[in-house]
């Protein structure tokens, strides 16, 4: 699996720059040539975005109640 760090090393930019370019951050000031180079390298290496795990909606919340008794308070 290709990492952002590997792309950054080949493109000679920081991993933060690669991350922002891959996220299509238009507020970042990067030359069109650098942006295109990063995207070409990512495609050439087969970079794919990590998919976040979907939320577990089929599982009900688990609640535990714990009570602590000393031996003298033991209900028995």
C-alpha atoms as a PDB file:
ATOM      1  CA  UNK A   1       0.000   0.000   0.000  1.00  0.00           C
ATOM      2  CA  UNK A   2       1.367   3.379  -1.019  1.00  0.00           C
ATOM      3  CA  UNK A   3       1.629   6.077   1.644  1.00  0.00           C
ATOM      4  CA  UNK A   4       1.487   9.853   1.502  1.00  0.00           C
ATOM      5  CA  UNK A   5       5.056   9.888   2.780  1.00  0.00           C
ATOM      6  CA  UNK A   6       6.255   7.854  -0.220  1.00  0.00           C
ATOM      7  CA  UNK A   7       4.504  10.201  -2.632  1.00  0.00           C
ATOM      8  CA  UNK A   8       6.024  13.198  -0.837  1.00  0.00           C
ATOM      9  CA  UNK A   9       9.539  11.757  -1.121  1.00  0.00           C
ATOM     10  CA  UNK A  10       9.182  11.202  -4.865  1.00  0.00           C
ATOM     11  CA  UNK A  11       7.595  14.612  -5.459  1.00  0.00           C
ATOM     12  CA  UNK A  12      10.166  16.313  -3.194  1.00  0.00           C
ATOM     13  CA  UNK A  13       7.492  18.040  -1.108  1.00  0.00           C
ATOM     14  CA  UNK A  14       6.213  17.615   2.440  1.00  0.00           C
ATOM     15  CA  UNK A  15       3.663  14.947   3.365  1.00  0.00           C
ATOM     16  CA  UNK A  16       1.341  17.791   4.430  1.00  0.00           C
ATOM     17  CA  UNK A  17       1.476  19.226   0.920  1.00  0.00           C
ATOM     18  CA  UNK A  18       0.646  15.834  -0.596  1.00  0.00           C
ATOM     19  CA  UNK A  19      -2.219  15.343   1.833  1.00  0.00           C
ATOM     20  CA  UNK A  20      -3.741  18.724   1.053  1.00  0.00           C
ATOM     21  CA  UNK A  21      -3.370  18.260  -2.707  1.00  0.00           C
ATOM     22  CA  UNK A  22      -4.983  14.813  -2.567  1.00  0.00           C
ATOM     23  CA  UNK A  23      -7.854  16.274  -0.517  1.00  0.00           C
ATOM     24  CA  UNK A  24      -8.237  18.939  -3.229  1.00  0.00           C
ATOM     25  CA  UNK A  25      -7.641  21.792  -0.778  1.00  0.00           C
ATOM     26  CA  UNK A  26      -8.024  24.849  -3.006  1.00  0.00           C
ATOM     27  CA  UNK A  27      -6.922  27.235  -0.241  1.00  0.00           C
ATOM     28  CA  UNK A  28      -3.377  25.912  -0.421  1.00  0.00           C
ATOM     29  CA  UNK A  29      -0.885  27.892  -2.465  1.00  0.00           C
ATOM     30  CA  UNK A  30       0.912  25.347  -4.644  1.00  0.00           C
ATOM     31  CA  UNK A  31       1.930  25.667  -8.268  1.00  0.00           C
ATOM     32  CA  UNK A  32      -0.157  23.862 -10.859  1.00  0.00           C
ATOM     33  CA  UNK A  33       2.971  21.926 -11.902  1.00  0.00           C
ATOM     34  CA  UNK A  34       3.546  20.646  -8.348  1.00  0.00           C
ATOM     35  CA  UNK A  35      -0.124  19.752  -7.955  1.00  0.00           C
ATOM     36  CA  UNK A  36      -0.100  17.850 -11.257  1.00  0.00           C
ATOM     37  CA  UNK A  37       3.172  16.097 -10.371  1.00  0.00           C
ATOM     38  CA  UNK A  38       1.765  14.898  -7.028  1.00  0.00           C
ATOM     39  CA  UNK A  39      -1.395  13.600  -8.684  1.00  0.00           C
ATOM     40  CA  UNK A  40       0.596  11.801 -11.418  1.00  0.00           C
ATOM     41  CA  UNK A  41       2.880  10.145  -8.867  1.00  0.00           C
ATOM     42  CA  UNK A  42      -0.083   9.092  -6.731  1.00  0.00           C
ATOM     43  CA  UNK A  43      -1.824   7.582  -9.737  1.00  0.00           C
ATOM     44  CA  UNK A  44       1.351   5.882 -10.993  1.00  0.00           C
ATOM     45  CA  UNK A  45       1.962   4.293  -7.579  1.00  0.00           C
ATOM     46  CA  UNK A  46      -1.682   3.241  -7.242  1.00  0.00           C
ATOM     47  CA  UNK A  47      -2.498   5.383  -4.217  1.00  0.00           C
ATOM     48  CA  UNK A  48      -5.956   4.827  -2.780  1.00  0.00           C
ATOM     49  CA  UNK A  49      -7.577   6.754   0.021  1.00  0.00           C
ATOM     50  CA  UNK A  50      -8.094   4.850   3.261  1.00  0.00           C
ATOM     51  CA  UNK A  51     -11.759   4.271   3.865  1.00  0.00           C
ATOM     52  CA  UNK A  52     -13.000   4.906   7.369  1.00  0.00           C
ATOM     53  CA  UNK A  53     -14.878   2.100   9.037  1.00  0.00           C
ATOM     54  CA  UNK A  54     -18.635   2.643   8.902  1.00  0.00           C
ATOM     55  CA  UNK A  55     -20.306   3.282  12.246  1.00  0.00           C
ATOM     56  CA  UNK A  56     -21.654   0.207  13.960  1.00  0.00           C
ATOM     57  CA  UNK A  57     -25.372   0.954  13.780  1.00  0.00           C
ATOM     58  CA  UNK A  58     -26.570  -2.607  14.447  1.00  0.00           C
ATOM     59  CA  UNK A  59     -25.047  -2.685  17.926  1.00  0.00           C
ATOM     60  CA  UNK A  60     -26.931  -1.293  20.885  1.00  0.00           C
ATOM     61  CA  UNK A  61     -24.930   0.658  23.456  1.00  0.00           C
ATOM     62  CA  UNK A  62     -23.541  -1.335  26.351  1.00  0.00           C
ATOM     63  CA  UNK A  63     -23.899   0.010  29.860  1.00  0.00           C
ATOM     64  CA  UNK A  64     -22.334  -1.613  32.902  1.00  0.00           C
ATOM     65  CA  UNK A  65     -23.092  -0.826  36.538  1.00  0.00           C
ATOM     66  CA  UNK A  66     -20.546  -1.766  39.146  1.00  0.00           C
ATOM     67  CA  UNK A  67     -21.101  -1.574  42.884  1.00  0.00           C
ATOM     68  CA  UNK A  68     -18.343  -2.064  45.390  1.00  0.00           C
ATOM     69  CA  UNK A  69     -19.000  -3.443  48.864  1.00  0.00           C
ATOM     70  CA  UNK A  70     -16.553  -4.120  51.651  1.00  0.00           C
ATOM     71  CA  UNK A  71     -16.818  -7.490  53.454  1.00  0.00           C
ATOM     72  CA  UNK A  72     -18.740  -5.843  56.311  1.00  0.00           C
ATOM     73  CA  UNK A  73     -21.232  -4.326  53.861  1.00  0.00           C
ATOM     74  CA  UNK A  74     -21.602  -7.519  51.802  1.00  0.00           C
ATOM     75  CA  UNK A  75     -25.261  -8.227  51.186  1.00  0.00           C
ATOM     76  CA  UNK A  76     -24.469 -11.920  50.943  1.00  0.00           C
END
